[in-house]
Structure formats: C-alpha cells, structure tokens
Amino acid sequence: MVGWQITIASAVVVFAAIAAVFLFVLAKVKPSEIFDLGHDQSNIDVSANDLLIVAIILGVVGVVLAGLMSWIITRRAVRPLGDALRIQRAFIADASHEMRTPLTVLDARLQVLQRGLAADDPSSPVVMELRRDARSLMDVVNDLLEAAEAASSRSDGSAAVKLNPVVELAVDSLRIVGQDRNVRIDLDAPEPLFTYLPAVSAHRCVVALLDNALRYSPDGSVVTVSLHATKTRVVLQVRDQGPGVQGISPARIFDRFAKSDTAASCDGSARTGFGIGLALVRDIAVSHGGTATVEETSGSGTVIALTMPRADERP
C-alpha cells in the first residue's frame, strides 16, 4: 500500500510538471503557429503534436521508474518491521503456552480447596473470587495465544473446505449457552458452500460471532445464522435481537480490547469491553482474503457479516 501511494503521488507530480511545461510553451506560442512550423533559423522546429507525444512518453517512463523505485524502497524499509512483528508474535505464543499450564493447575487447586471448605466457612467467598480471577487470566492467555496463531496463519488457496458442517457444529456447541435464558439459535444454510478458510479458523470465527450475539441477546430472543453466497464470495451473517452497538463506533468493535462508553450486555455481566474475540474474527478473515463488518445495527438488533472468497466445489 505504501508503494502504491508513493507511485500515485509521483505520477501526480510528474504529470503536473509536464502539464505546467506544456502550458508554458503554449502560452509563448501564437495560436496560428501551434500547428504550423515556422522558418526561423534561430529556433528548432517542433510541432505541438511532437511536443505532446514526447511529454506523454516522458511521463509514462517517469511514473514507471517512480513506481519501481518506491516498490524496492518500501520493501527494504518494511522488512525490519516484519521481522520485529514475527518475533513479537512468537514471544506472545511462547509466553501464552508457558502461562497456560500453571494457570490451569492453579484453578484446579482452587477448585479442590473450594470443595473442601464448609458451606458456612468465611473464606468461601474469597476462594470463589480467586477462582473467578484465575479463569479471567486463563481467558486472557487463551485470547493472546489465539491471536498469535491467527496472525501467523495464511491461506495457501490449495484446499477447499465445506463450510456448512463447520457452521452447524459451532451452532450446536453454542445452543447450550443460550438455553438458560431461552435464547434460540436458528441456522439458515440451504446450499453447500465451499471456501479456502481452514475449518479450525472458520469454527473459531463462528463461535466468536455467536458468543458475541448471545451476550447481547435478551431473554427469549432469537439469534439467526445465515449462510449464502454470490459468484465469488461466501457470506456468513449472524443476526441478534439485542440493543445494538452503543457507545462506540460499529467499525471499532473489531479493535483489540475495544471499550464502549455504555454497558449494554444482556447476559448479566454488563461488560463495556469487547475483548479480543471479534478482533480475532477480523484478523482471520483479512489474512485469508475476507472481511468482517457490521452490516447494520439499531435498537432492534445487530447484523455482523463474515465474507470470504468462494471456492469451487470439490469431491
């Protein structure tokens, strides 16, 4: 993108300079002499047509050279940043792996301690809060690990994946989450669709979108998951009947740890943060040539769409 921006800027400068020179020459020549060669021996006979052709050739050559140089310079300038980013992702993945096991052991020991306490023990509430804090730390570590894994994965475009079974599995897994509040999940996927998004990544995206929809769905409402396609794209839509995105721009809910000015959760948590789940969805989609957007949001609900390149059906 930087290379293209430099190329466009260089093209504007080159053509502006050529236009200025051409206009200056025209201003110095009488209208009757523009297409009529003179016979003054002290001047070089150059017609306006020749001048225009030379200007165009010089402009095209200048733009091509500017684009080539900008591409080379940009690649050299960005390479250290790419190396630093890869090192950072590797560190996050390694640190998350190392922290996951002791946090799991800590939660297990707190669980044993909690079971061994009497119901009227005054330390029971403290132990319960410690378990809640340990689970929160585990969620953060898992999110960091998933972010590093999603950022490092790239589609090779060689394997088409049938998306319908992946979506059905994610829907079946999340239905139990909405049962306590009588929130139903409906699936509308009338035809088999294929994409190059790996099954694991697709499942992670659907689960994150459904988890977000269930969190903001009121009791007794319906979350609708629909899967359809155009000639070149596969579109997964998750529609809820919640209060809509409030206190933050809809485009910003895909930012990491984005926070809203208004607490609008219907699952009893009243959270203002969006965590890292939706950010992972966008990262996975972009890394495989897709997009994640908020198509509409209002007081009657929100629709989030995951769009991916469509693959040909394969046996």
C-alpha atoms as a PDB file:
ATOM      1  CA  MET A   1       0.000   0.000   0.000  1.00  0.00           C
ATOM      2  CA  VAL A   2       2.832   2.368   0.785  1.00  0.00           C
ATOM      3  CA  GLY A   3       4.419   1.568  -2.571  1.00  0.00           C
ATOM      4  CA  TRP A   4       1.186   2.280  -4.432  1.00  0.00           C
ATOM      5  CA  GLN A   5       0.699   5.546  -2.559  1.00  0.00           C
ATOM      6  CA  ILE A   6       4.218   6.693  -3.465  1.00  0.00           C
ATOM      7  CA  THR A   7       3.623   5.678  -7.088  1.00  0.00           C
ATOM      8  CA  ILE A   8       0.381   7.641  -7.300  1.00  0.00           C
ATOM      9  CA  ALA A   9       1.950  10.679  -5.654  1.00  0.00           C
ATOM     10  CA  SER A  10       4.919  10.503  -8.052  1.00  0.00           C
ATOM     11  CA  ALA A  11       2.559  10.189 -11.022  1.00  0.00           C
ATOM     12  CA  VAL A  12       0.658  13.289  -9.938  1.00  0.00           C
ATOM     13  CA  VAL A  13       3.887  15.260  -9.558  1.00  0.00           C
ATOM     14  CA  VAL A  14       5.266  14.077 -12.928  1.00  0.00           C
ATOM     15  CA  PHE A  15       2.119  14.843 -14.891  1.00  0.00           C
ATOM     16  CA  ALA A  16       1.663  18.150 -13.098  1.00  0.00           C
ATOM     17  CA  ALA A  17       5.193  19.166 -14.072  1.00  0.00           C
ATOM     18  CA  ILE A  18       4.651  18.075 -17.689  1.00  0.00           C
ATOM     19  CA  ALA A  19       1.344  19.925 -17.852  1.00  0.00           C
ATOM     20  CA  ALA A  20       2.948  23.076 -16.451  1.00  0.00           C
ATOM     21  CA  VAL A  21       5.762  22.939 -19.027  1.00  0.00           C
ATOM     22  CA  PHE A  22       3.333  22.254 -21.861  1.00  0.00           C
ATOM     23  CA  LEU A  23       1.058  25.127 -20.826  1.00  0.00           C
ATOM     24  CA  PHE A  24       4.048  27.440 -20.546  1.00  0.00           C
ATOM     25  CA  VAL A  25       5.159  26.567 -24.082  1.00  0.00           C
ATOM     26  CA  LEU A  26       1.654  27.081 -25.426  1.00  0.00           C
ATOM     27  CA  ALA A  27       1.495  30.452 -23.708  1.00  0.00           C
ATOM     28  CA  LYS A  28       4.637  31.540 -25.559  1.00  0.00           C
ATOM     29  CA  VAL A  29       3.416  30.412 -28.983  1.00  0.00           C
ATOM     30  CA  LYS A  30       0.824  32.217 -31.052  1.00  0.00           C
ATOM     31  CA  PRO A  31      -2.312  30.195 -31.805  1.00  0.00           C
ATOM     32  CA  SER A  32      -1.642  30.369 -35.552  1.00  0.00           C
ATOM     33  CA  GLU A  33       1.832  28.898 -35.058  1.00  0.00           C
ATOM     34  CA  ILE A  34       0.893  25.913 -32.877  1.00  0.00           C
ATOM     35  CA  PHE A  35       0.400  23.501 -35.797  1.00  0.00           C
ATOM     36  CA  ASP A  36       2.360  25.416 -38.389  1.00  0.00           C
ATOM     37  CA  LEU A  37       6.147  25.045 -38.434  1.00  0.00           C
ATOM     38  CA  GLY A  38       7.993  28.308 -38.762  1.00  0.00           C
ATOM     39  CA  HIS A  39      11.130  29.039 -40.746  1.00  0.00           C
ATOM     40  CA  ASP A  40      13.106  30.986 -38.178  1.00  0.00           C
ATOM     41  CA  GLN A  41      16.665  29.641 -38.378  1.00  0.00           C
ATOM     42  CA  SER A  42      17.354  30.539 -34.724  1.00  0.00           C
ATOM     43  CA  ASN A  43      14.638  28.154 -33.441  1.00  0.00           C
ATOM     44  CA  ILE A  44      14.149  24.389 -33.570  1.00  0.00           C
ATOM     45  CA  ASP A  45      11.091  23.359 -35.494  1.00  0.00           C
ATOM     46  CA  VAL A  46       8.926  21.323 -33.110  1.00  0.00           C
ATOM     47  CA  SER A  47       5.197  20.896 -33.645  1.00  0.00           C
ATOM     48  CA  ALA A  48       2.670  20.721 -30.838  1.00  0.00           C
ATOM     49  CA  ASN A  49       1.958  17.084 -31.733  1.00  0.00           C
ATOM     50  CA  ASP A  50       5.604  16.124 -31.330  1.00  0.00           C
ATOM     51  CA  LEU A  51       5.802  18.007 -28.054  1.00  0.00           C
ATOM     52  CA  LEU A  52       2.700  16.262 -26.714  1.00  0.00           C
ATOM     53  CA  ILE A  53       3.966  12.805 -27.705  1.00  0.00           C
ATOM     54  CA  VAL A  54       7.353  13.396 -26.069  1.00  0.00           C
ATOM     55  CA  ALA A  55       5.668  14.705 -22.909  1.00  0.00           C
ATOM     56  CA  ILE A  56       3.443  11.634 -22.661  1.00  0.00           C
ATOM     57  CA  ILE A  57       6.379   9.252 -23.193  1.00  0.00           C
ATOM     58  CA  LEU A  58       8.457  11.038 -20.554  1.00  0.00           C
ATOM     59  CA  GLY A  59       5.533  10.998 -18.159  1.00  0.00           C
ATOM     60  CA  VAL A  60       4.903   7.264 -18.539  1.00  0.00           C
ATOM     61  CA  VAL A  61       8.613   6.470 -18.137  1.00  0.00           C
ATOM     62  CA  GLY A  62       8.789   8.699 -15.065  1.00  0.00           C
ATOM     63  CA  VAL A  63       5.786   7.041 -13.450  1.00  0.00           C
ATOM     64  CA  VAL A  64       7.100   3.531 -14.141  1.00  0.00           C
ATOM     65  CA  LEU A  65      10.513   4.372 -12.705  1.00  0.00           C
ATOM     66  CA  ALA A  66       8.947   6.058  -9.679  1.00  0.00           C
ATOM     67  CA  GLY A  67       6.743   3.037  -9.050  1.00  0.00           C
ATOM     68  CA  LEU A  68       9.644   0.602  -9.365  1.00  0.00           C
ATOM     69  CA  MET A  69      11.861   2.601  -7.037  1.00  0.00           C
ATOM     70  CA  SER A  70       9.066   3.073  -4.498  1.00  0.00           C
ATOM     71  CA  TRP A  71       8.358  -0.680  -4.507  1.00  0.00           C
ATOM     72  CA  ILE A  72      12.035  -1.525  -3.900  1.00  0.00           C
ATOM     73  CA  ILE A  73      12.495   1.133  -1.208  1.00  0.00           C
ATOM     74  CA  THR A  74       9.250   0.205   0.554  1.00  0.00           C
ATOM     75  CA  ARG A  75      10.141  -3.488   0.715  1.00  0.00           C
ATOM     76  CA  ARG A  76      13.543  -2.688   2.195  1.00  0.00           C
ATOM     77  CA  ALA A  77      12.026  -0.262   4.716  1.00  0.00           C
ATOM     78  CA  VAL A  78       9.245  -2.598   5.848  1.00  0.00           C
ATOM     79  CA  ARG A  79      11.358  -5.779   6.129  1.00  0.00           C
ATOM     80  CA  PRO A  80      12.731  -4.934   9.636  1.00  0.00           C
ATOM     81  CA  LEU A  81       9.194  -4.171  10.817  1.00  0.00           C
ATOM     82  CA  GLY A  82       8.002  -7.543   9.538  1.00  0.00           C
ATOM     83  CA  ASP A  83      10.847  -9.316  11.310  1.00  0.00           C
ATOM     84  CA  ALA A  84      10.066  -7.483  14.551  1.00  0.00           C
ATOM     85  CA  LEU A  85       6.378  -8.376  14.237  1.00  0.00           C
ATOM     86  CA  ARG A  86       7.162 -12.064  13.710  1.00  0.00           C
ATOM     87  CA  ILE A  87       9.424 -12.047  16.771  1.00  0.00           C
ATOM     88  CA  GLN A  88       6.694 -10.366  18.812  1.00  0.00           C
ATOM     89  CA  ARG A  89       4.090 -12.957  17.757  1.00  0.00           C
ATOM     90  CA  ALA A  90       6.449 -15.801  18.549  1.00  0.00           C
ATOM     91  CA  PHE A  91       7.090 -14.332  22.008  1.00  0.00           C
ATOM     92  CA  ILE A  92       3.352 -13.959  22.677  1.00  0.00           C
ATOM     93  CA  ALA A  93       2.718 -17.563  21.602  1.00  0.00           C
ATOM     94  CA  ASP A  94       5.592 -18.939  23.713  1.00  0.00           C
ATOM     95  CA  ALA A  95       4.655 -16.892  26.776  1.00  0.00           C
ATOM     96  CA  SER A  96       0.994 -17.902  26.476  1.00  0.00           C
ATOM     97  CA  HIS A  97       1.906 -21.565  26.225  1.00  0.00           C
ATOM     98  CA  GLU A  98       4.131 -21.323  29.300  1.00  0.00           C
ATOM     99  CA  MET A  99       1.473 -19.480  31.332  1.00  0.00           C
ATOM    100  CA  ARG A 100      -1.459 -21.704  30.384  1.00  0.00           C
ATOM    101  CA  THR A 101      -0.324 -24.783  32.339  1.00  0.00           C
ATOM    102  CA  PRO A 102       0.381 -23.123  35.721  1.00  0.00           C
ATOM    103  CA  LEU A 103      -2.883 -21.195  35.499  1.00  0.00           C
ATOM    104  CA  THR A 104      -4.762 -24.434  34.837  1.00  0.00           C
ATOM    105  CA  VAL A 105      -3.061 -26.061  37.830  1.00  0.00           C
ATOM    106  CA  LEU A 106      -3.849 -23.018  39.974  1.00  0.00           C
ATOM    107  CA  ASP A 107      -7.527 -23.179  39.028  1.00  0.00           C
ATOM    108  CA  ALA A 108      -7.631 -26.915  39.770  1.00  0.00           C
ATOM    109  CA  ARG A 109      -6.092 -26.424  43.214  1.00  0.00           C
ATOM    110  CA  LEU A 110      -8.509 -23.613  43.998  1.00  0.00           C
ATOM    111  CA  GLN A 111     -11.345 -25.885  42.960  1.00  0.00           C
ATOM    112  CA  VAL A 112     -10.127 -28.597  45.353  1.00  0.00           C
ATOM    113  CA  LEU A 113      -9.802 -26.022  48.122  1.00  0.00           C
ATOM    114  CA  GLN A 114     -13.303 -24.707  47.450  1.00  0.00           C
ATOM    115  CA  ARG A 115     -14.822 -28.187  47.646  1.00  0.00           C
ATOM    116  CA  GLY A 116     -13.065 -28.870  50.928  1.00  0.00           C
ATOM    117  CA  LEU A 117     -14.491 -25.787  52.638  1.00  0.00           C
ATOM    118  CA  ALA A 118     -17.672 -25.885  54.644  1.00  0.00           C
ATOM    119  CA  ALA A 119     -20.683 -24.008  53.335  1.00  0.00           C
ATOM    120  CA  ASP A 120     -20.506 -21.514  56.223  1.00  0.00           C
ATOM    121  CA  ASP A 121     -16.730 -21.017  56.009  1.00  0.00           C
ATOM    122  CA  PRO A 122     -15.993 -17.252  55.881  1.00  0.00           C
ATOM    123  CA  SER A 123     -13.197 -17.792  53.363  1.00  0.00           C
ATOM    124  CA  SER A 124     -15.505 -19.393  50.763  1.00  0.00           C
ATOM    125  CA  PRO A 125     -16.367 -16.075  49.025  1.00  0.00           C
ATOM    126  CA  VAL A 126     -12.673 -15.208  48.799  1.00  0.00           C
ATOM    127  CA  VAL A 127     -11.833 -18.579  47.250  1.00  0.00           C
ATOM    128  CA  MET A 128     -14.691 -18.142  44.774  1.00  0.00           C
ATOM    129  CA  GLU A 129     -13.317 -14.727  43.768  1.00  0.00           C
ATOM    130  CA  LEU A 130      -9.846 -16.228  43.377  1.00  0.00           C
ATOM    131  CA  ARG A 131     -11.240 -18.894  41.024  1.00  0.00           C
ATOM    132  CA  ARG A 132     -13.022 -16.203  39.038  1.00  0.00           C
ATOM    133  CA  ASP A 133      -9.792 -14.198  38.747  1.00  0.00           C
ATOM    134  CA  ALA A 134      -7.853 -17.320  37.707  1.00  0.00           C
ATOM    135  CA  ARG A 135     -10.393 -18.073  34.965  1.00  0.00           C
ATOM    136  CA  SER A 136     -10.176 -14.470  33.757  1.00  0.00           C
ATOM    137  CA  LEU A 137      -6.396 -14.787  33.489  1.00  0.00           C
ATOM    138  CA  MET A 138      -6.800 -18.064  31.596  1.00  0.00           C
ATOM    139  CA  ASP A 139      -9.209 -16.374  29.164  1.00  0.00           C
ATOM    140  CA  VAL A 140      -6.711 -13.583  28.529  1.00  0.00           C
ATOM    141  CA  VAL A 141      -3.888 -16.068  27.936  1.00  0.00           C
ATOM    142  CA  ASN A 142      -6.053 -18.114  25.576  1.00  0.00           C
ATOM    143  CA  ASP A 143      -7.036 -14.979  23.658  1.00  0.00           C
ATOM    144  CA  LEU A 144      -3.393 -13.935  23.298  1.00  0.00           C
ATOM    145  CA  LEU A 145      -2.436 -17.392  22.076  1.00  0.00           C
ATOM    146  CA  GLU A 146      -5.297 -17.473  19.578  1.00  0.00           C
ATOM    147  CA  ALA A 147      -4.354 -14.008  18.342  1.00  0.00           C
ATOM    148  CA  ALA A 148      -0.772 -15.097  17.710  1.00  0.00           C
ATOM    149  CA  GLU A 149      -1.901 -18.264  15.943  1.00  0.00           C
ATOM    150  CA  ALA A 150      -4.459 -16.425  13.813  1.00  0.00           C
ATOM    151  CA  ALA A 151      -1.944 -13.772  12.780  1.00  0.00           C
ATOM    152  CA  SER A 152       0.621 -16.356  11.749  1.00  0.00           C
ATOM    153  CA  SER A 153      -1.795 -18.482   9.699  1.00  0.00           C
ATOM    154  CA  ARG A 154      -2.206 -17.793   5.976  1.00  0.00           C
ATOM    155  CA  SER A 155      -4.333 -19.410   3.332  1.00  0.00           C
ATOM    156  CA  ASP A 156      -2.438 -21.290   0.648  1.00  0.00           C
ATOM    157  CA  GLY A 157      -5.535 -21.484  -1.553  1.00  0.00           C
ATOM    158  CA  SER A 158      -4.992 -25.183  -2.256  1.00  0.00           C
ATOM    159  CA  ALA A 159      -7.715 -26.831  -0.164  1.00  0.00           C
ATOM    160  CA  ALA A 160     -11.403 -26.024  -0.422  1.00  0.00           C
ATOM    161  CA  VAL A 161     -13.355 -26.542   2.811  1.00  0.00           C
ATOM    162  CA  LYS A 162     -17.078 -27.234   3.008  1.00  0.00           C
ATOM    163  CA  LEU A 163     -18.346 -24.544   5.339  1.00  0.00           C
ATOM    164  CA  ASN A 164     -21.797 -25.926   6.213  1.00  0.00           C
ATOM    165  CA  PRO A 165     -20.697 -28.712   8.620  1.00  0.00           C
ATOM    166  CA  VAL A 166     -18.329 -26.310  10.387  1.00  0.00           C
ATOM    167  CA  VAL A 167     -21.091 -23.769  10.951  1.00  0.00           C
ATOM    168  CA  GLU A 168     -23.537 -26.477  12.082  1.00  0.00           C
ATOM    169  CA  LEU A 169     -21.030 -27.784  14.626  1.00  0.00           C
ATOM    170  CA  ALA A 170     -20.422 -24.305  16.049  1.00  0.00           C
ATOM    171  CA  VAL A 171     -24.168 -23.629  16.264  1.00  0.00           C
ATOM    172  CA  ASP A 172     -24.799 -26.923  18.062  1.00  0.00           C
ATOM    173  CA  SER A 173     -21.974 -26.171  20.508  1.00  0.00           C
ATOM    174  CA  LEU A 174     -23.331 -22.723  21.403  1.00  0.00           C
ATOM    175  CA  ARG A 175     -27.012 -23.669  21.676  1.00  0.00           C
ATOM    176  CA  ILE A 176     -26.487 -24.837  25.240  1.00  0.00           C
ATOM    177  CA  VAL A 177     -25.148 -21.396  26.187  1.00  0.00           C
ATOM    178  CA  GLY A 178     -28.455 -19.736  25.338  1.00  0.00           C
ATOM    179  CA  GLN A 179     -30.694 -22.341  26.968  1.00  0.00           C
ATOM    180  CA  ASP A 180     -30.516 -20.767  30.433  1.00  0.00           C
ATOM    181  CA  ARG A 181     -32.016 -17.550  29.042  1.00  0.00           C
ATOM    182  CA  ASN A 182     -34.227 -19.262  26.455  1.00  0.00           C
ATOM    183  CA  VAL A 183     -32.266 -17.764  23.552  1.00  0.00           C
ATOM    184  CA  ARG A 184     -32.726 -19.844  20.397  1.00  0.00           C
ATOM    185  CA  ILE A 185     -30.174 -20.137  17.577  1.00  0.00           C
ATOM    186  CA  ASP A 186     -31.604 -20.700  14.101  1.00  0.00           C
ATOM    187  CA  LEU A 187     -29.457 -21.768  11.152  1.00  0.00           C
ATOM    188  CA  ASP A 188     -30.295 -20.946   7.533  1.00  0.00           C
ATOM    189  CA  ALA A 189     -27.835 -22.688   5.176  1.00  0.00           C
ATOM    190  CA  PRO A 190     -29.834 -24.038   2.207  1.00  0.00           C
ATOM    191  CA  GLU A 191     -26.932 -24.996  -0.075  1.00  0.00           C
ATOM    192  CA  PRO A 192     -23.437 -26.451   0.402  1.00  0.00           C
ATOM    193  CA  LEU A 193     -20.774 -23.750   0.139  1.00  0.00           C
ATOM    194  CA  PHE A 194     -17.000 -24.019  -0.048  1.00  0.00           C
ATOM    195  CA  THR A 195     -14.260 -21.594   0.921  1.00  0.00           C
ATOM    196  CA  TYR A 196     -10.490 -21.628   1.391  1.00  0.00           C
ATOM    197  CA  LEU A 197     -10.775 -20.708   5.075  1.00  0.00           C
ATOM    198  CA  PRO A 198      -9.447 -23.640   7.161  1.00  0.00           C
ATOM    199  CA  ALA A 199     -12.080 -25.489   9.174  1.00  0.00           C
ATOM    200  CA  VAL A 200     -10.439 -24.695  12.524  1.00  0.00           C
ATOM    201  CA  SER A 201     -10.294 -20.981  11.755  1.00  0.00           C
ATOM    202  CA  ALA A 202     -13.863 -20.976  10.429  1.00  0.00           C
ATOM    203  CA  HIS A 203     -15.122 -22.699  13.577  1.00  0.00           C
ATOM    204  CA  ARG A 204     -13.295 -20.169  15.732  1.00  0.00           C
ATOM    205  CA  CYS A 205     -14.880 -17.272  13.826  1.00  0.00           C
ATOM    206  CA  VAL A 206     -18.422 -18.652  14.064  1.00  0.00           C
ATOM    207  CA  VAL A 207     -18.042 -19.375  17.782  1.00  0.00           C
ATOM    208  CA  ALA A 208     -16.754 -15.841  18.440  1.00  0.00           C
ATOM    209  CA  LEU A 209     -19.600 -14.250  16.481  1.00  0.00           C
ATOM    210  CA  LEU A 210     -22.223 -16.405  18.216  1.00  0.00           C
ATOM    211  CA  ASP A 211     -20.723 -15.752  21.636  1.00  0.00           C
ATOM    212  CA  ASN A 212     -20.935 -12.016  20.983  1.00  0.00           C
ATOM    213  CA  ALA A 213     -24.528 -12.296  19.719  1.00  0.00           C
ATOM    214  CA  LEU A 214     -25.661 -14.388  22.713  1.00  0.00           C
ATOM    215  CA  ARG A 215     -24.075 -11.973  25.147  1.00  0.00           C
ATOM    216  CA  TYR A 216     -26.199  -9.097  23.833  1.00  0.00           C
ATOM    217  CA  SER A 217     -29.398 -11.071  23.154  1.00  0.00           C
ATOM    218  CA  PRO A 218     -32.308 -10.519  25.555  1.00  0.00           C
ATOM    219  CA  ASP A 219     -34.073 -13.443  27.189  1.00  0.00           C
ATOM    220  CA  GLY A 220     -36.420 -15.302  24.872  1.00  0.00           C
ATOM    221  CA  SER A 221     -34.963 -13.826  21.679  1.00  0.00           C
ATOM    222  CA  VAL A 222     -33.581 -15.490  18.559  1.00  0.00           C
ATOM    223  CA  VAL A 223     -30.086 -15.426  17.059  1.00  0.00           C
ATOM    224  CA  THR A 224     -30.119 -16.186  13.330  1.00  0.00           C
ATOM    225  CA  VAL A 225     -27.118 -17.570  11.460  1.00  0.00           C
ATOM    226  CA  SER A 226     -27.440 -17.461   7.678  1.00  0.00           C
ATOM    227  CA  LEU A 227     -25.031 -18.724   5.043  1.00  0.00           C
ATOM    228  CA  HIS A 228     -25.319 -17.663   1.408  1.00  0.00           C
ATOM    229  CA  ALA A 229     -23.049 -16.811  -1.492  1.00  0.00           C
ATOM    230  CA  THR A 230     -22.513 -14.720  -4.599  1.00  0.00           C
ATOM    231  CA  LYS A 231     -20.473 -15.783  -7.611  1.00  0.00           C
ATOM    232  CA  THR A 232     -17.172 -15.044  -5.880  1.00  0.00           C
ATOM    233  CA  ARG A 233     -17.893 -14.627  -2.157  1.00  0.00           C
ATOM    234  CA  VAL A 234     -19.347 -16.638   0.714  1.00  0.00           C
ATOM    235  CA  VAL A 235     -21.213 -14.592   3.309  1.00  0.00           C
ATOM    236  CA  LEU A 236     -21.934 -15.698   6.886  1.00  0.00           C
ATOM    237  CA  GLN A 237     -24.346 -13.419   8.746  1.00  0.00           C
ATOM    238  CA  VAL A 238     -25.083 -13.517  12.482  1.00  0.00           C
ATOM    239  CA  ARG A 239     -28.155 -11.511  13.484  1.00  0.00           C
ATOM    240  CA  ASP A 240     -29.233 -10.858  17.064  1.00  0.00           C
ATOM    241  CA  GLN A 241     -32.173  -9.006  18.614  1.00  0.00           C
ATOM    242  CA  GLY A 242     -30.156  -7.080  21.156  1.00  0.00           C
ATOM    243  CA  PRO A 243     -29.936  -3.346  21.862  1.00  0.00           C
ATOM    244  CA  GLY A 244     -27.427  -2.691  19.087  1.00  0.00           C
ATOM    245  CA  VAL A 245     -23.909  -1.285  19.283  1.00  0.00           C
ATOM    246  CA  GLN A 246     -23.915   1.580  21.773  1.00  0.00           C
ATOM    247  CA  GLY A 247     -21.278   3.988  23.000  1.00  0.00           C
ATOM    248  CA  ILE A 248     -18.763   3.120  20.270  1.00  0.00           C
ATOM    249  CA  SER A 249     -18.481   3.276  16.505  1.00  0.00           C
ATOM    250  CA  PRO A 250     -19.624  -0.058  14.982  1.00  0.00           C
ATOM    251  CA  ALA A 251     -16.372  -0.335  12.991  1.00  0.00           C
ATOM    252  CA  ARG A 252     -14.315  -0.143  16.204  1.00  0.00           C
ATOM    253  CA  ILE A 253     -15.783  -3.245  17.846  1.00  0.00           C
ATOM    254  CA  PHE A 254     -13.238  -5.258  15.836  1.00  0.00           C
ATOM    255  CA  ASP A 255     -10.338  -3.453  17.540  1.00  0.00           C
ATOM    256  CA  ARG A 256      -8.482  -5.372  20.226  1.00  0.00           C
ATOM    257  CA  PHE A 257      -9.953  -4.770  23.681  1.00  0.00           C
ATOM    258  CA  ALA A 258     -12.243  -2.022  22.349  1.00  0.00           C
ATOM    259  CA  LYS A 259     -14.365  -0.431  25.072  1.00  0.00           C
ATOM    260  CA  SER A 260     -17.795   1.120  24.875  1.00  0.00           C
ATOM    261  CA  ASP A 261     -18.954   4.128  26.862  1.00  0.00           C
ATOM    262  CA  THR A 262     -22.194   2.267  27.596  1.00  0.00           C
ATOM    263  CA  ALA A 263     -22.623  -1.109  29.277  1.00  0.00           C
ATOM    264  CA  ALA A 264     -25.180  -2.949  27.154  1.00  0.00           C
ATOM    265  CA  SER A 265     -24.941  -6.667  27.884  1.00  0.00           C
ATOM    266  CA  CYS A 266     -27.990  -8.901  28.329  1.00  0.00           C
ATOM    267  CA  ASP A 267     -26.302 -11.928  29.919  1.00  0.00           C
ATOM    268  CA  GLY A 268     -25.971 -10.311  33.334  1.00  0.00           C
ATOM    269  CA  SER A 269     -22.325  -9.287  33.013  1.00  0.00           C
ATOM    270  CA  ALA A 270     -22.916  -5.646  31.928  1.00  0.00           C
ATOM    271  CA  ARG A 271     -19.496  -5.502  30.271  1.00  0.00           C
ATOM    272  CA  THR A 272     -18.255  -2.453  28.382  1.00  0.00           C
ATOM    273  CA  GLY A 273     -15.361  -4.236  26.643  1.00  0.00           C
ATOM    274  CA  PHE A 274     -15.482  -6.421  23.549  1.00  0.00           C
ATOM    275  CA  GLY A 275     -12.382  -8.452  24.449  1.00  0.00           C
ATOM    276  CA  ILE A 276     -10.371  -9.945  21.637  1.00  0.00           C
ATOM    277  CA  GLY A 277     -12.881 -12.347  20.066  1.00  0.00           C
ATOM    278  CA  LEU A 278     -14.163 -10.030  17.333  1.00  0.00           C
ATOM    279  CA  ALA A 279     -10.619  -8.806  16.663  1.00  0.00           C
ATOM    280  CA  LEU A 280      -9.626 -12.420  16.018  1.00  0.00           C
ATOM    281  CA  VAL A 281     -12.514 -12.786  13.573  1.00  0.00           C
ATOM    282  CA  ARG A 282     -11.327  -9.794  11.583  1.00  0.00           C
ATOM    283  CA  ASP A 283      -7.678 -10.907  11.660  1.00  0.00           C
ATOM    284  CA  ILE A 284      -8.575 -14.388  10.436  1.00  0.00           C
ATOM    285  CA  ALA A 285     -10.833 -13.008   7.711  1.00  0.00           C
ATOM    286  CA  VAL A 286      -8.300 -10.471   6.432  1.00  0.00           C
ATOM    287  CA  SER A 287      -5.447 -12.992   6.466  1.00  0.00           C
ATOM    288  CA  HIS A 288      -7.493 -15.227   4.145  1.00  0.00           C
ATOM    289  CA  GLY A 289      -8.723 -12.519   1.787  1.00  0.00           C
ATOM    290  CA  GLY A 290     -12.043 -11.772   3.504  1.00  0.00           C
ATOM    291  CA  THR A 291     -13.704  -9.105   5.625  1.00  0.00           C
ATOM    292  CA  ALA A 292     -15.656  -8.802   8.868  1.00  0.00           C
ATOM    293  CA  THR A 293     -18.111  -5.917   9.099  1.00  0.00           C
ATOM    294  CA  VAL A 294     -21.140  -4.652  10.977  1.00  0.00           C
ATOM    295  CA  GLU A 295     -23.777  -4.556   8.249  1.00  0.00           C
ATOM    296  CA  GLU A 296     -26.460  -2.929  10.372  1.00  0.00           C
ATOM    297  CA  THR A 297     -27.139  -2.083  13.991  1.00  0.00           C
ATOM    298  CA  SER A 298     -30.060  -0.470  15.748  1.00  0.00           C
ATOM    299  CA  GLY A 299     -32.220  -0.812  18.832  1.00  0.00           C
ATOM    300  CA  SER A 300     -33.771  -3.930  17.335  1.00  0.00           C
ATOM    301  CA  GLY A 301     -30.531  -5.831  16.792  1.00  0.00           C
ATOM    302  CA  THR A 302     -27.176  -6.106  15.050  1.00  0.00           C
ATOM    303  CA  VAL A 303     -26.021  -7.975  11.968  1.00  0.00           C
ATOM    304  CA  ILE A 304     -22.335  -8.913  11.656  1.00  0.00           C
ATOM    305  CA  ALA A 305     -21.153 -10.403   8.367  1.00  0.00           C
ATOM    306  CA  LEU A 306     -18.098 -12.540   7.691  1.00  0.00           C
ATOM    307  CA  THR A 307     -17.265 -12.523   3.970  1.00  0.00           C
ATOM    308  CA  MET A 308     -14.755 -14.942   2.427  1.00  0.00           C
ATOM    309  CA  PRO A 309     -13.635 -15.847  -1.124  1.00  0.00           C
ATOM    310  CA  ARG A 310     -15.740 -18.639  -2.564  1.00  0.00           C
ATOM    311  CA  ALA A 311     -14.037 -21.872  -3.616  1.00  0.00           C
ATOM    312  CA  ASP A 312     -15.158 -24.285  -6.293  1.00  0.00           C
ATOM    313  CA  GLU A 313     -16.998 -27.355  -5.072  1.00  0.00           C
ATOM    314  CA  ARG A 314     -14.658 -30.331  -4.917  1.00  0.00           C
ATOM    315  CA  PRO A 315     -15.411 -34.031  -4.415  1.00  0.00           C
END
